[in-house]
Protein backbone atom coordinates (compact mmCIF):
# COMPACT_ATOMS: atom_id res chain seq x y z
CA UNK A 1 -29.50 5.94 -6.14
CA UNK A 2 -28.56 9.09 -4.23
CA UNK A 3 -24.78 9.31 -3.91
CA UNK A 4 -22.36 11.56 -2.09
CA UNK A 5 -18.69 12.03 -1.24
CA UNK A 6 -17.48 12.70 2.29
CA UNK A 7 -14.36 14.84 2.01
CA UNK A 8 -13.54 17.57 -0.52
CA UNK A 9 -9.79 17.14 -0.81
CA UNK A 10 -8.27 16.48 -4.22
CA UNK A 11 -9.31 12.83 -4.34
CA UNK A 12 -12.81 13.40 -2.99
CA UNK A 13 -13.39 16.25 -5.43
CA UNK A 14 -12.16 14.14 -8.35
CA UNK A 15 -14.47 11.28 -7.36
CA UNK A 16 -17.43 13.65 -7.10
CA UNK A 17 -16.70 15.00 -10.59
CA UNK A 18 -16.37 11.46 -11.96
CA UNK A 19 -19.66 10.36 -10.41
CA UNK A 20 -21.42 13.44 -11.81
CA UNK A 21 -20.12 12.85 -15.33
CA UNK A 22 -23.26 10.95 -16.37
CA UNK A 23 -25.58 13.76 -15.23
CA UNK A 24 -26.08 12.42 -11.70
CA UNK A 25 -26.50 14.83 -8.78
CA UNK A 26 -23.63 14.38 -6.33
CA UNK A 27 -23.44 15.86 -2.83
CA UNK A 28 -19.89 16.70 -1.66
CA UNK A 29 -19.19 17.34 2.03
CA UNK A 30 -16.45 19.79 3.01
CA UNK A 31 -15.47 20.87 6.50
CA UNK A 32 -14.49 24.39 5.40
CA UNK A 33 -17.43 26.79 5.00
CA UNK A 34 -15.54 28.94 2.52
CA UNK A 35 -14.80 25.91 0.34
CA UNK A 36 -18.48 24.95 0.31
CA UNK A 37 -19.32 28.46 -0.85
CA UNK A 38 -16.64 28.39 -3.57
CA UNK A 39 -17.74 25.03 -4.98
CA UNK A 40 -21.39 26.07 -5.11
CA UNK A 41 -20.67 29.54 -6.47
CA UNK A 42 -17.75 29.06 -8.85
CA UNK A 43 -17.66 25.27 -9.38
CA UNK A 44 -13.98 25.23 -8.40
CA UNK A 45 -11.85 23.90 -5.55
CA UNK A 46 -8.87 26.23 -5.58
CA UNK A 47 -7.46 24.86 -2.32
CA UNK A 48 -7.17 21.17 -3.22
CA UNK A 49 -7.80 20.70 -6.96
CA UNK A 50 -7.31 24.04 -8.71
CA UNK A 51 -7.04 22.49 -12.19
CA UNK A 52 -10.67 21.34 -12.25
CA UNK A 53 -13.89 23.08 -13.24
CA UNK A 54 -16.63 21.10 -11.54
CA UNK A 55 -19.92 20.16 -13.10
CA UNK A 56 -22.93 22.11 -11.80
CA UNK A 57 -24.48 18.83 -10.59
CA UNK A 58 -21.74 18.64 -7.93
CA UNK A 59 -23.17 20.48 -4.94
CA UNK A 60 -21.27 21.05 -1.69
CA UNK A 61 -22.46 21.11 1.91
CA UNK A 62 -20.96 21.24 5.39
CA UNK A 63 -24.01 19.49 6.90
CA UNK A 64 -23.23 15.90 7.90
CA UNK A 65 -26.94 15.28 8.40
CA UNK A 66 -27.55 15.81 4.69
CA UNK A 67 -25.02 13.07 3.90
CA UNK A 68 -26.89 10.56 6.08
CA UNK A 69 -29.93 10.74 3.80
CA UNK A 70 -28.03 9.32 0.81
CA UNK A 71 -28.00 5.73 -0.42
CA UNK A 72 -24.26 5.42 -1.13
CA UNK A 73 -21.49 7.43 0.50
CA UNK A 74 -17.88 7.45 -0.69
CA UNK A 75 -15.76 8.23 2.38
CA UNK A 76 -12.65 10.20 1.41
CA UNK A 77 -11.66 11.95 4.63
CA UNK A 78 -7.99 11.72 5.72
CA UNK A 79 -7.48 8.31 7.29
CA UNK A 80 -6.66 9.75 10.72
CA UNK A 81 -9.98 11.65 10.83
CA UNK A 82 -12.34 9.04 9.38
CA UNK A 83 -13.43 7.75 12.79
CA UNK A 84 -14.27 11.17 14.18
CA UNK A 85 -16.18 12.28 11.08
CA UNK A 86 -18.23 9.08 10.81
CA UNK A 87 -18.77 9.17 14.55
CA UNK A 88 -20.23 12.66 14.28
CA UNK A 89 -22.97 11.34 11.97
CA UNK A 90 -26.07 10.10 13.79
CA UNK A 91 -27.04 7.92 10.83
CA UNK A 92 -25.13 6.54 7.85
CA UNK A 93 -26.07 5.54 4.30
CA UNK A 94 -26.58 1.82 3.82
CA UNK A 95 -23.43 1.48 1.67
CA UNK A 96 -20.15 3.06 2.78
CA UNK A 97 -17.34 2.96 0.21
CA UNK A 98 -14.01 3.70 1.87
CA UNK A 99 -11.57 5.54 -0.38
CA UNK A 100 -9.01 6.69 2.21
CA UNK A 101 -5.73 4.79 2.40
CA UNK A 102 -4.07 4.34 5.75
CA UNK A 103 -4.11 2.79 9.23
CA UNK A 104 -5.49 4.62 12.25
CA UNK A 105 -2.35 5.67 14.09
CA UNK A 106 -3.87 5.76 17.57
CA UNK A 107 -5.34 2.25 17.44
CA UNK A 108 -3.70 0.30 14.60
CA UNK A 109 -7.10 -0.35 13.02
CA UNK A 110 -7.69 -0.63 9.29
CA UNK A 111 -10.24 1.78 7.88
CA UNK A 112 -12.94 -0.88 7.50
CA UNK A 113 -12.65 -1.65 11.22
CA UNK A 114 -12.94 2.06 12.00
CA UNK A 115 -16.04 2.32 9.81
CA UNK A 116 -17.65 -0.81 11.30
CA UNK A 117 -17.32 0.62 14.80
CA UNK A 118 -18.86 3.93 13.72
CA UNK A 119 -21.60 2.37 11.57
CA UNK A 120 -22.30 -1.18 12.81
CA UNK A 121 -24.49 -3.15 10.47
CA UNK A 122 -23.76 -1.04 7.40
CA UNK A 123 -22.33 -2.58 4.25
CA UNK A 124 -18.66 -1.67 3.84
CA UNK A 125 -16.67 -1.62 0.60
CA UNK A 126 -13.15 -0.40 -0.20
CA UNK A 127 -12.21 1.40 -3.41
CA UNK A 128 -8.46 1.42 -4.00
CA UNK A 129 -5.98 1.40 -6.85
CA UNK A 130 -3.50 3.46 -8.89
CA UNK A 131 -5.27 6.82 -9.01
CA UNK A 132 -4.00 10.37 -9.29
CA UNK A 133 -6.85 12.80 -8.70
CA UNK A 134 -5.90 15.20 -11.50
CA UNK A 135 -6.00 12.38 -14.07
CA UNK A 136 -9.39 11.09 -12.88
CA UNK A 137 -10.90 14.58 -13.02
CA UNK A 138 -9.57 14.95 -16.58
CA UNK A 139 -11.34 11.74 -17.58
CA UNK A 140 -8.14 9.78 -18.30
CA UNK A 141 -8.42 5.97 -18.20
CA UNK A 142 -8.30 4.56 -14.66
CA UNK A 143 -8.86 1.09 -13.18
CA UNK A 144 -9.43 0.31 -9.51
CA UNK A 145 -10.28 -2.52 -7.14
CA UNK A 146 -13.73 -2.38 -5.54
CA UNK A 147 -13.60 -4.82 -2.63
CA UNK A 148 -17.05 -5.56 -1.22
CA UNK A 149 -17.58 -7.06 2.23
CA UNK A 150 -21.13 -7.83 1.11
CA UNK A 151 -19.93 -9.95 -1.79
CA UNK A 152 -21.45 -9.95 -5.24
CA UNK A 153 -24.80 -8.61 -4.01
CA UNK A 154 -23.11 -5.40 -2.87
CA UNK A 155 -21.01 -5.30 -6.05
CA UNK A 156 -24.22 -5.45 -8.12
CA UNK A 157 -25.49 -2.37 -6.26
CA UNK A 158 -22.31 -0.34 -6.34
CA UNK A 159 -20.59 -1.09 -9.65
CA UNK A 160 -23.25 0.50 -11.93
CA UNK A 161 -23.07 3.68 -9.84
CA UNK A 162 -19.27 3.90 -9.83
CA UNK A 163 -18.25 2.56 -13.26
CA UNK A 164 -17.72 5.02 -16.11
CA UNK A 165 -16.23 4.57 -19.61
CA UNK A 166 -12.86 5.81 -18.31
CA UNK A 167 -13.19 4.58 -14.71
CA UNK A 168 -13.29 0.79 -14.49
CA UNK A 169 -13.73 -1.06 -11.17
CA UNK A 170 -12.74 -4.72 -10.76
CA UNK A 171 -14.51 -6.91 -8.19
CA UNK A 172 -12.91 -8.41 -5.10
CA UNK A 173 -14.25 -9.62 -1.76
CA UNK A 174 -10.85 -9.23 -0.05
CA UNK A 175 -11.42 -6.01 1.88
CA UNK A 176 -8.35 -6.58 4.06
CA UNK A 177 -6.07 -7.02 1.06
CA UNK A 178 -7.40 -3.90 -0.66
CA UNK A 179 -6.79 -1.85 2.47
CA UNK A 180 -3.32 -3.18 3.20
CA UNK A 181 -2.12 -2.52 -0.34
CA UNK A 182 -3.24 1.11 -0.15
CA UNK A 183 -1.75 1.70 3.30
CA UNK A 184 1.66 0.05 2.83
CA UNK A 185 2.34 1.55 -0.60
CA UNK A 186 2.16 5.05 0.91
CA UNK A 187 5.09 4.25 3.20
CA UNK A 188 7.09 2.63 0.41
CA UNK A 189 6.49 5.66 -1.82
CA UNK A 190 8.26 7.83 0.76
CA UNK A 191 11.26 5.49 0.55
CA UNK A 192 11.29 5.74 -3.25
CA UNK A 193 11.14 9.50 -3.01
CA UNK A 194 14.19 9.46 -0.74
CA UNK A 195 16.07 7.40 -3.33
CA UNK A 196 15.17 10.00 -5.97
CA UNK A 197 16.10 12.91 -3.72
CA UNK A 198 19.50 11.36 -3.03
CA UNK A 199 20.08 10.81 -6.75
CA UNK A 200 20.64 7.06 -6.37
CA UNK A 201 19.24 6.18 -9.79
CA UNK A 202 16.56 4.05 -11.41
CA UNK A 203 18.19 0.72 -10.53
CA UNK A 204 17.92 1.50 -6.83
CA UNK A 205 14.30 2.59 -7.12
CA UNK A 206 13.30 -0.56 -9.04
CA UNK A 207 15.01 -2.72 -6.43
CA UNK A 208 13.27 -0.85 -3.63
CA UNK A 209 9.85 -1.29 -5.26
CA UNK A 210 10.44 -5.04 -5.62
CA UNK A 211 11.71 -5.51 -2.06
CA UNK A 212 9.00 -3.24 -0.71
CA UNK A 213 6.39 -5.33 -2.49
CA UNK A 214 7.82 -8.40 -0.75
CA UNK A 215 7.28 -6.64 2.59
CA UNK A 216 3.71 -5.78 1.59
CA UNK A 217 3.01 -9.43 0.74
CA UNK A 218 4.45 -10.73 4.02
CA UNK A 219 2.46 -8.26 6.08
CA UNK A 220 -0.75 -8.75 4.13
CA UNK A 221 -0.66 -12.52 4.35
CA UNK A 222 -0.01 -12.30 8.11
CA UNK A 223 -3.24 -10.32 8.47
CA UNK A 224 -5.27 -12.63 6.25
CA UNK A 225 -5.05 -10.85 2.90
CA UNK A 226 -4.74 -12.87 -0.30
CA UNK A 227 -1.55 -12.66 -2.34
CA UNK A 228 -3.50 -12.32 -5.60
CA UNK A 229 -5.24 -9.22 -4.24
CA UNK A 230 -1.92 -7.57 -3.47
CA UNK A 231 -0.66 -8.54 -6.93
CA UNK A 232 -3.50 -6.53 -8.46
CA UNK A 233 -4.50 -2.91 -8.88
CA UNK A 234 -4.84 -2.09 -5.18
CA UNK A 235 -1.41 -3.49 -4.32
CA UNK A 236 1.28 -3.74 -6.98
CA UNK A 237 -0.53 -1.38 -9.36
CA UNK A 238 -0.85 1.39 -6.78
CA UNK A 239 2.70 0.78 -5.56
CA UNK A 240 4.20 1.27 -9.03
CA UNK A 241 2.27 4.50 -9.58
CA UNK A 242 3.01 6.19 -6.29
CA UNK A 243 6.67 5.14 -6.27
CA UNK A 244 7.31 6.72 -9.66
CA UNK A 245 5.96 10.27 -9.71
CA UNK A 246 6.12 13.55 -7.85
CA UNK A 247 2.34 13.71 -8.33
CA UNK A 248 2.31 11.38 -5.32
CA UNK A 249 2.28 13.34 -2.05
CA UNK A 250 4.19 10.54 -0.33
CA UNK A 251 6.86 10.35 -3.05
CA UNK A 252 7.23 14.14 -2.92
CA UNK A 253 7.69 14.04 0.86
CA UNK A 254 10.40 11.40 0.51
CA UNK A 255 12.15 13.31 -2.27
CA UNK A 256 12.31 16.40 -0.09
CA UNK A 257 13.71 14.33 2.78
CA UNK A 258 16.38 12.94 0.46
CA UNK A 259 17.26 16.49 -0.55
CA UNK A 260 17.92 17.38 3.08
CA UNK A 261 14.68 18.97 4.28
CA UNK A 262 13.24 18.15 7.70
CA UNK A 263 10.15 15.97 8.05
CA UNK A 264 8.53 18.20 10.67
CA UNK A 265 8.86 21.30 8.51
CA UNK A 266 7.53 19.49 5.42
CA UNK A 267 4.49 18.05 7.14
CA UNK A 268 3.58 21.29 8.91
CA UNK A 269 3.61 23.20 5.64
CA UNK A 270 1.30 20.92 3.65
CA UNK A 271 -2.37 21.55 2.84
CA UNK A 272 -2.65 17.94 1.73
CA UNK A 273 -1.77 14.89 3.80
CA UNK A 274 1.04 12.41 3.07
CA UNK A 275 -0.64 9.49 4.84
CA UNK A 276 2.51 7.37 4.74
CA UNK A 277 4.11 9.55 7.41
CA UNK A 278 1.28 8.69 9.82
CA UNK A 279 1.12 5.05 8.74
CA UNK A 280 4.84 4.23 9.10
CA UNK A 281 5.08 4.16 12.92
CA UNK A 282 1.91 2.13 13.45
CA UNK A 283 2.89 -0.22 10.62
CA UNK A 284 6.23 -0.87 12.32
CA UNK A 285 4.38 -1.69 15.54
CA UNK A 286 1.89 -4.00 13.83
CA UNK A 287 4.66 -5.76 11.88
CA UNK A 288 6.54 -6.44 15.11
CA UNK A 289 3.36 -7.71 16.78
CA UNK A 290 2.81 -10.20 13.93
CA UNK A 291 6.47 -11.15 13.60
CA UNK A 292 6.78 -9.73 10.07
CA UNK A 293 10.16 -8.25 9.09
CA UNK A 294 9.69 -4.94 7.22
CA UNK A 295 13.13 -3.26 7.10
CA UNK A 296 12.18 -0.68 4.46
CA UNK A 297 9.10 0.41 6.41
CA UNK A 298 11.21 0.61 9.57
CA UNK A 299 13.75 2.75 7.72
CA UNK A 300 11.02 5.17 6.62
CA UNK A 301 9.83 5.44 10.20
CA UNK A 302 13.35 6.38 11.20
CA UNK A 303 13.56 9.01 8.46
CA UNK A 304 10.32 10.59 9.66
CA UNK A 305 11.87 10.71 13.14
CA UNK A 306 14.93 12.52 11.77
CA UNK A 307 17.43 9.81 10.77
CA UNK A 308 20.00 10.77 8.16
CA UNK A 309 18.88 9.54 4.69
CA UNK A 310 22.34 8.49 3.46
CA UNK A 311 23.10 6.60 6.65
CA UNK A 312 19.70 4.91 6.42
CA UNK A 313 20.35 3.74 2.87
CA UNK A 314 23.82 2.49 3.83
CA UNK A 315 22.32 0.48 6.69
CA UNK A 316 19.79 -1.15 4.33
CA UNK A 317 22.54 -2.06 1.86
CA UNK A 318 24.63 -3.55 4.66
CA UNK A 319 21.95 -6.06 5.69
CA UNK A 320 23.08 -9.71 5.53
CA UNK A 321 22.95 -11.40 2.13
CA UNK A 322 20.12 -13.92 1.73
CA UNK A 323 17.86 -15.73 -0.73
CA UNK A 324 15.41 -13.50 -2.59
CA UNK A 325 12.33 -15.60 -1.71
CA UNK A 326 11.18 -16.72 1.71
CA UNK A 327 13.59 -14.74 3.85
CA UNK A 328 13.38 -11.74 6.15
CA UNK A 329 13.78 -8.79 3.80
């Protein structure tokens, strides 16, 4: 099986290194010509993953046509650019494994819908879970959900290519659930970062994770996801990780907001993308369309627009008292 990775950010680079760890040749696509040259010459990615020395079997290219000739393609472009990059390819590998977490801001589509429009008839899978790129590239133990729209037949093709001793995929056929968990947790991680930046303590962060998870469940079930999917690695597992560490870009963005920095300045100055900032406004719109109350997500949207963090937290705490289960947030 010929395999490649579309997108040479931190996560794409880490996945390429992981896939090459058994001696396999892996083709890594990067938009930046200078990054392609660096990876092929020095086996480093100083822009996005400076801690890693890449295996020589990881080869970079900026030619999308070369990626079309592969059998399996892991798609790790920023969520807001996935449609344009896939659309620029005249042909696509038979199996597309989507590893980007987000919702297309301009249309409200999940990534699998974006990919299906760009590559109709191709087999789509979603790889999602609690994963920091620097830990994967170091070979530390990691477990993920691999949700296959093609069912067990697709799983039988993909899992031997992706699984490694320290990288363990678990099967699901709930592509919608895997995507929603990865998209919503990014927004909730910003909220947890704000709590940390304001110095509100561990109790507040734990409460926010629990109530945020309730919002994730409500939204997911409204869109047809299964609760057990969101209780797994791609939902609760990823939520706990990204809401607890400054290694998360979304948590770091929220922490800086809580410390008084401006969202526009923070987002303009970043080489890497905090997808939750793009996901929050479209998630608010989708939640309203489906009649799903998501007060924490709405609060994050307000913070991105410039609302005062302390006033936002006070408004959340002032919401009417209610039962923990079955209510509106």
